[in-house]
Amino acid sequence: MDLVSLLITWLITAVSLFAISYLPIGVEIDGFNKALLSAAVFGLLNAFVRPILQILALPLTVVTFGLFSIILNAIIFGLAAYLVTGFRLRYGFWSALLGAILLAFVRSLIYQFLKI
C-alpha cells in the first residue's frame, strides 16, 4: 500500500468517525482533530492487535460462522476509544458495537461515492 492510499484511508476513516459522532448512538468525538487521531489509533490497532485477537477468537468465529468478527470489530473500536482522550463511548459496549457497524457502513458509502 503506498503512502497516498494510506492517507486517503486515514482521512476517510476520520471523516466517517466524525460523522458517526453526530448520530445518537453514544459515540462522542470532541472535534475533527480527535477524529484524525482516533482514525490513526484505530488503524494501528487493526494492523497490530486485530490479527492476535483473530487467532485467539478463531474457534468462536468458526462456531458462529464468522459473526464473532463483528464483536472483534467492536473490541477494536472500544480500545481506540479507551486510548484516545476526547473519543468516548457513552453506552459502553453497545456504543462500540453500533459504532463499529456504522463505521464499516459509512466508510463503504464514502468509498462507493468516491469510486476508490
N, C-alpha and C. Protein backbone atom coordinates (compact mmCIF):
# COMPACT_ATOMS: atom_id res chain seq x y z
N MET A 1 0.86 -1.18 0.00
CA MET A 1 0.00 0.00 0.00
C MET A 1 0.90 1.23 0.00
N ASP A 2 0.67 2.12 -0.92
CA ASP A 2 1.50 3.32 -0.99
C ASP A 2 1.00 4.37 -0.01
N LEU A 3 1.79 5.40 0.15
CA LEU A 3 1.52 6.43 1.15
C LEU A 3 0.23 7.19 0.85
N VAL A 4 -0.04 7.45 -0.41
CA VAL A 4 -1.26 8.20 -0.78
C VAL A 4 -2.50 7.40 -0.41
N SER A 5 -2.50 6.09 -0.68
CA SER A 5 -3.63 5.24 -0.32
C SER A 5 -3.82 5.19 1.19
N LEU A 6 -2.72 5.12 1.91
CA LEU A 6 -2.79 5.10 3.37
C LEU A 6 -3.39 6.40 3.90
N LEU A 7 -2.97 7.54 3.34
CA LEU A 7 -3.51 8.83 3.78
C LEU A 7 -4.99 8.98 3.43
N ILE A 8 -5.39 8.48 2.27
CA ILE A 8 -6.80 8.53 1.86
C ILE A 8 -7.64 7.68 2.80
N THR A 9 -7.16 6.48 3.12
CA THR A 9 -7.88 5.60 4.03
C THR A 9 -8.00 6.24 5.41
N TRP A 10 -6.92 6.85 5.89
CA TRP A 10 -6.93 7.52 7.19
C TRP A 10 -7.95 8.66 7.21
N LEU A 11 -7.96 9.48 6.16
CA LEU A 11 -8.88 10.60 6.08
C LEU A 11 -10.34 10.12 6.00
N ILE A 12 -10.59 9.09 5.21
CA ILE A 12 -11.96 8.56 5.09
C ILE A 12 -12.43 7.99 6.42
N THR A 13 -11.54 7.31 7.13
CA THR A 13 -11.91 6.78 8.44
C THR A 13 -12.19 7.90 9.42
N ALA A 14 -11.38 8.96 9.39
CA ALA A 14 -11.60 10.10 10.28
C ALA A 14 -12.92 10.79 9.98
N VAL A 15 -13.22 11.01 8.71
CA VAL A 15 -14.50 11.64 8.33
C VAL A 15 -15.66 10.75 8.76
N SER A 16 -15.52 9.44 8.58
CA SER A 16 -16.57 8.51 8.99
C SER A 16 -16.79 8.55 10.49
N LEU A 17 -15.72 8.52 11.26
CA LEU A 17 -15.84 8.60 12.72
C LEU A 17 -16.51 9.90 13.15
N PHE A 18 -16.10 10.99 12.53
CA PHE A 18 -16.67 12.29 12.88
C PHE A 18 -18.16 12.33 12.55
N ALA A 19 -18.55 11.75 11.41
CA ALA A 19 -19.96 11.71 11.03
C ALA A 19 -20.76 10.84 12.00
N ILE A 20 -20.19 9.71 12.40
CA ILE A 20 -20.88 8.81 13.32
C ILE A 20 -21.11 9.48 14.68
N SER A 21 -20.19 10.37 15.05
CA SER A 21 -20.33 11.03 16.35
C SER A 21 -21.56 11.93 16.42
N TYR A 22 -22.15 12.26 15.28
CA TYR A 22 -23.35 13.09 15.27
C TYR A 22 -24.63 12.26 15.35
N LEU A 23 -24.51 10.95 15.29
CA LEU A 23 -25.68 10.08 15.40
C LEU A 23 -25.94 9.78 16.88
N PRO A 24 -27.18 9.54 17.25
CA PRO A 24 -27.50 9.32 18.67
C PRO A 24 -27.25 7.89 19.14
N ILE A 25 -26.02 7.40 18.97
CA ILE A 25 -25.71 6.03 19.38
C ILE A 25 -24.71 5.99 20.54
N GLY A 26 -24.28 7.15 21.01
CA GLY A 26 -23.38 7.19 22.15
C GLY A 26 -21.91 7.30 21.81
N VAL A 27 -21.56 7.48 20.54
CA VAL A 27 -20.17 7.70 20.15
C VAL A 27 -19.95 9.21 20.15
N GLU A 28 -18.99 9.66 20.98
CA GLU A 28 -18.73 11.09 21.11
C GLU A 28 -17.27 11.38 20.79
N ILE A 29 -17.05 12.32 19.87
CA ILE A 29 -15.71 12.76 19.50
C ILE A 29 -15.69 14.27 19.60
N ASP A 30 -14.69 14.81 20.30
CA ASP A 30 -14.65 16.24 20.62
C ASP A 30 -14.43 17.15 19.42
N GLY A 31 -13.84 16.70 18.37
CA GLY A 31 -13.60 17.54 17.20
C GLY A 31 -12.94 16.74 16.10
N PHE A 32 -12.76 17.37 14.94
CA PHE A 32 -12.19 16.64 13.82
C PHE A 32 -10.74 16.24 14.08
N ASN A 33 -10.00 17.06 14.85
CA ASN A 33 -8.62 16.67 15.16
C ASN A 33 -8.59 15.40 16.00
N LYS A 34 -9.56 15.22 16.90
CA LYS A 34 -9.66 13.98 17.67
C LYS A 34 -10.09 12.82 16.77
N ALA A 35 -10.90 13.11 15.76
CA ALA A 35 -11.30 12.07 14.81
C ALA A 35 -10.09 11.61 14.00
N LEU A 36 -9.22 12.54 13.63
CA LEU A 36 -7.99 12.16 12.92
C LEU A 36 -7.10 11.28 13.80
N LEU A 37 -6.94 11.66 15.05
CA LEU A 37 -6.14 10.87 15.98
C LEU A 37 -6.78 9.50 16.22
N SER A 38 -8.10 9.48 16.38
CA SER A 38 -8.82 8.23 16.60
C SER A 38 -8.68 7.30 15.39
N ALA A 39 -8.74 7.86 14.20
CA ALA A 39 -8.59 7.05 12.99
C ALA A 39 -7.19 6.45 12.91
N ALA A 40 -6.18 7.22 13.30
CA ALA A 40 -4.81 6.70 13.30
C ALA A 40 -4.66 5.56 14.31
N VAL A 41 -5.19 5.75 15.51
CA VAL A 41 -5.13 4.71 16.55
C VAL A 41 -5.93 3.49 16.10
N PHE A 42 -7.09 3.69 15.51
CA PHE A 42 -7.92 2.61 15.01
C PHE A 42 -7.16 1.80 13.96
N GLY A 43 -6.48 2.49 13.06
CA GLY A 43 -5.69 1.80 12.03
C GLY A 43 -4.54 1.00 12.62
N LEU A 44 -3.85 1.57 13.60
CA LEU A 44 -2.75 0.85 14.25
C LEU A 44 -3.26 -0.37 15.00
N LEU A 45 -4.38 -0.23 15.68
CA LEU A 45 -4.96 -1.38 16.38
C LEU A 45 -5.39 -2.46 15.40
N ASN A 46 -5.95 -2.07 14.28
CA ASN A 46 -6.33 -3.05 13.25
C ASN A 46 -5.12 -3.75 12.67
N ALA A 47 -4.01 -3.05 12.58
CA ALA A 47 -2.80 -3.63 11.99
C ALA A 47 -2.07 -4.56 12.96
N PHE A 48 -2.06 -4.22 14.26
CA PHE A 48 -1.22 -4.95 15.20
C PHE A 48 -1.99 -5.81 16.21
N VAL A 49 -3.13 -5.36 16.69
CA VAL A 49 -3.86 -6.09 17.73
C VAL A 49 -4.89 -7.05 17.11
N ARG A 50 -5.57 -6.61 16.07
CA ARG A 50 -6.62 -7.42 15.46
C ARG A 50 -6.15 -8.80 15.02
N PRO A 51 -4.98 -8.94 14.38
CA PRO A 51 -4.55 -10.30 13.99
C PRO A 51 -4.38 -11.25 15.19
N ILE A 52 -3.90 -10.73 16.30
CA ILE A 52 -3.75 -11.55 17.50
C ILE A 52 -5.13 -11.97 18.02
N LEU A 53 -6.06 -11.01 18.07
CA LEU A 53 -7.41 -11.33 18.52
C LEU A 53 -8.10 -12.32 17.59
N GLN A 54 -7.85 -12.22 16.29
CA GLN A 54 -8.47 -13.14 15.34
C GLN A 54 -7.98 -14.57 15.56
N ILE A 55 -6.69 -14.71 15.86
CA ILE A 55 -6.17 -16.05 16.12
C ILE A 55 -6.75 -16.62 17.40
N LEU A 56 -6.79 -15.80 18.45
CA LEU A 56 -7.34 -16.25 19.72
C LEU A 56 -8.83 -16.57 19.64
N ALA A 57 -9.55 -15.83 18.81
CA ALA A 57 -11.00 -16.00 18.70
C ALA A 57 -11.42 -16.92 17.57
N LEU A 58 -10.47 -17.58 16.92
CA LEU A 58 -10.80 -18.42 15.77
C LEU A 58 -11.85 -19.49 16.09
N PRO A 59 -11.75 -20.19 17.22
CA PRO A 59 -12.80 -21.18 17.49
C PRO A 59 -14.20 -20.57 17.58
N LEU A 60 -14.33 -19.42 18.26
CA LEU A 60 -15.63 -18.76 18.35
C LEU A 60 -16.11 -18.26 17.00
N THR A 61 -15.19 -17.79 16.20
CA THR A 61 -15.55 -17.30 14.87
C THR A 61 -16.06 -18.44 14.00
N VAL A 62 -15.43 -19.60 14.10
CA VAL A 62 -15.86 -20.76 13.32
C VAL A 62 -17.23 -21.24 13.80
N VAL A 63 -17.42 -21.32 15.12
CA VAL A 63 -18.69 -21.80 15.67
C VAL A 63 -19.84 -20.86 15.31
N THR A 64 -19.57 -19.56 15.26
CA THR A 64 -20.63 -18.59 14.96
C THR A 64 -20.70 -18.25 13.47
N PHE A 65 -20.00 -19.03 12.65
CA PHE A 65 -19.99 -18.82 11.21
C PHE A 65 -19.54 -17.41 10.82
N GLY A 66 -18.57 -16.88 11.54
CA GLY A 66 -17.99 -15.59 11.22
C GLY A 66 -18.62 -14.40 11.89
N LEU A 67 -19.74 -14.59 12.58
CA LEU A 67 -20.42 -13.46 13.21
C LEU A 67 -19.64 -12.88 14.38
N PHE A 68 -18.75 -13.67 14.97
CA PHE A 68 -17.96 -13.15 16.08
C PHE A 68 -17.00 -12.06 15.62
N SER A 69 -16.73 -11.99 14.33
CA SER A 69 -15.85 -10.94 13.82
C SER A 69 -16.46 -9.56 14.06
N ILE A 70 -17.78 -9.47 14.15
CA ILE A 70 -18.43 -8.20 14.47
C ILE A 70 -18.07 -7.78 15.90
N ILE A 71 -18.00 -8.75 16.79
CA ILE A 71 -17.60 -8.48 18.17
C ILE A 71 -16.14 -8.02 18.21
N LEU A 72 -15.29 -8.64 17.39
CA LEU A 72 -13.89 -8.21 17.31
C LEU A 72 -13.79 -6.76 16.84
N ASN A 73 -14.61 -6.39 15.87
CA ASN A 73 -14.63 -5.00 15.41
C ASN A 73 -15.02 -4.07 16.56
N ALA A 74 -16.01 -4.48 17.35
CA ALA A 74 -16.44 -3.65 18.48
C ALA A 74 -15.33 -3.55 19.53
N ILE A 75 -14.59 -4.61 19.74
CA ILE A 75 -13.48 -4.59 20.70
C ILE A 75 -12.41 -3.60 20.25
N ILE A 76 -12.05 -3.64 18.97
CA ILE A 76 -11.05 -2.70 18.44
C ILE A 76 -11.56 -1.27 18.53
N PHE A 77 -12.83 -1.07 18.21
CA PHE A 77 -13.45 0.26 18.30
C PHE A 77 -13.40 0.76 19.74
N GLY A 78 -13.75 -0.10 20.68
CA GLY A 78 -13.72 0.27 22.09
C GLY A 78 -12.31 0.55 22.60
N LEU A 79 -11.33 -0.23 22.14
CA LEU A 79 -9.94 0.03 22.52
C LEU A 79 -9.47 1.39 22.02
N ALA A 80 -9.86 1.73 20.79
CA ALA A 80 -9.48 3.04 20.25
C ALA A 80 -10.09 4.15 21.10
N ALA A 81 -11.34 3.98 21.50
CA ALA A 81 -12.00 4.99 22.35
C ALA A 81 -11.33 5.07 23.71
N TYR A 82 -10.87 3.94 24.23
CA TYR A 82 -10.20 3.92 25.53
C TYR A 82 -8.86 4.64 25.47
N LEU A 83 -8.17 4.50 24.35
CA LEU A 83 -6.81 5.05 24.23
C LEU A 83 -6.77 6.53 23.85
N VAL A 84 -7.81 7.03 23.23
CA VAL A 84 -7.81 8.42 22.74
C VAL A 84 -8.66 9.29 23.65
N THR A 85 -8.04 10.28 24.25
CA THR A 85 -8.79 11.24 25.05
C THR A 85 -9.62 12.11 24.10
N GLY A 86 -10.89 12.26 24.41
CA GLY A 86 -11.77 13.03 23.53
C GLY A 86 -12.60 12.15 22.62
N PHE A 87 -12.45 10.83 22.74
CA PHE A 87 -13.25 9.85 21.99
C PHE A 87 -13.88 8.95 23.05
N ARG A 88 -15.20 9.09 23.22
CA ARG A 88 -15.89 8.39 24.30
C ARG A 88 -17.04 7.55 23.77
N LEU A 89 -17.35 6.50 24.53
CA LEU A 89 -18.49 5.65 24.24
C LEU A 89 -19.46 5.75 25.41
N ARG A 90 -20.53 6.49 25.23
CA ARG A 90 -21.46 6.77 26.31
C ARG A 90 -22.11 5.50 26.85
N TYR A 91 -22.46 4.56 25.98
CA TYR A 91 -23.17 3.35 26.40
C TYR A 91 -22.26 2.12 26.38
N GLY A 92 -20.96 2.33 26.47
CA GLY A 92 -20.01 1.22 26.57
C GLY A 92 -19.99 0.32 25.36
N PHE A 93 -20.14 -0.98 25.63
CA PHE A 93 -20.02 -1.97 24.56
C PHE A 93 -21.04 -1.75 23.46
N TRP A 94 -22.25 -1.36 23.82
CA TRP A 94 -23.30 -1.18 22.81
C TRP A 94 -22.97 -0.03 21.86
N SER A 95 -22.39 1.02 22.38
CA SER A 95 -21.95 2.11 21.52
C SER A 95 -20.81 1.64 20.61
N ALA A 96 -19.91 0.82 21.17
CA ALA A 96 -18.80 0.29 20.37
C ALA A 96 -19.32 -0.61 19.26
N LEU A 97 -20.29 -1.45 19.58
CA LEU A 97 -20.85 -2.36 18.59
C LEU A 97 -21.55 -1.59 17.47
N LEU A 98 -22.42 -0.67 17.84
CA LEU A 98 -23.11 0.13 16.82
C LEU A 98 -22.13 1.02 16.05
N GLY A 99 -21.15 1.58 16.76
CA GLY A 99 -20.16 2.42 16.11
C GLY A 99 -19.33 1.64 15.10
N ALA A 100 -18.94 0.43 15.44
CA ALA A 100 -18.14 -0.39 14.52
C ALA A 100 -18.94 -0.77 13.28
N ILE A 101 -20.21 -1.12 13.48
CA ILE A 101 -21.07 -1.47 12.34
C ILE A 101 -21.29 -0.25 11.45
N LEU A 102 -21.60 0.89 12.07
CA LEU A 102 -21.82 2.10 11.29
C LEU A 102 -20.55 2.61 10.63
N LEU A 103 -19.40 2.43 11.29
CA LEU A 103 -18.13 2.83 10.67
C LEU A 103 -17.91 2.07 9.38
N ALA A 104 -18.13 0.77 9.40
CA ALA A 104 -17.97 -0.03 8.18
C ALA A 104 -18.95 0.43 7.11
N PHE A 105 -20.18 0.71 7.51
CA PHE A 105 -21.20 1.13 6.55
C PHE A 105 -20.88 2.49 5.95
N VAL A 106 -20.55 3.47 6.79
CA VAL A 106 -20.26 4.83 6.30
C VAL A 106 -19.01 4.84 5.44
N ARG A 107 -17.98 4.10 5.86
CA ARG A 107 -16.76 4.02 5.05
C ARG A 107 -17.05 3.43 3.68
N SER A 108 -17.87 2.38 3.63
CA SER A 108 -18.17 1.78 2.33
C SER A 108 -18.98 2.74 1.46
N LEU A 109 -19.88 3.52 2.08
CA LEU A 109 -20.62 4.52 1.30
C LEU A 109 -19.68 5.58 0.71
N ILE A 110 -18.74 6.04 1.51
CA ILE A 110 -17.79 7.06 1.04
C ILE A 110 -16.93 6.49 -0.08
N TYR A 111 -16.46 5.24 0.09
CA TYR A 111 -15.67 4.62 -0.97
C TYR A 111 -16.47 4.45 -2.25
N GLN A 112 -17.76 4.09 -2.13
CA GLN A 112 -18.62 3.95 -3.31
C GLN A 112 -18.83 5.30 -3.98
N PHE A 113 -19.04 6.34 -3.17
CA PHE A 113 -19.25 7.68 -3.70
C PHE A 113 -18.02 8.19 -4.44
N LEU A 114 -16.83 7.94 -3.85
CA LEU A 114 -15.59 8.39 -4.47
C LEU A 114 -15.07 7.45 -5.55
N LYS A 115 -15.68 6.25 -5.61
CA LYS A 115 -15.28 5.21 -6.59
C LYS A 115 -13.79 4.87 -6.48
N ILE A 116 -13.39 4.62 -5.24
CA ILE A 116 -11.99 4.24 -4.98
C ILE A 116 -11.90 2.74 -4.91
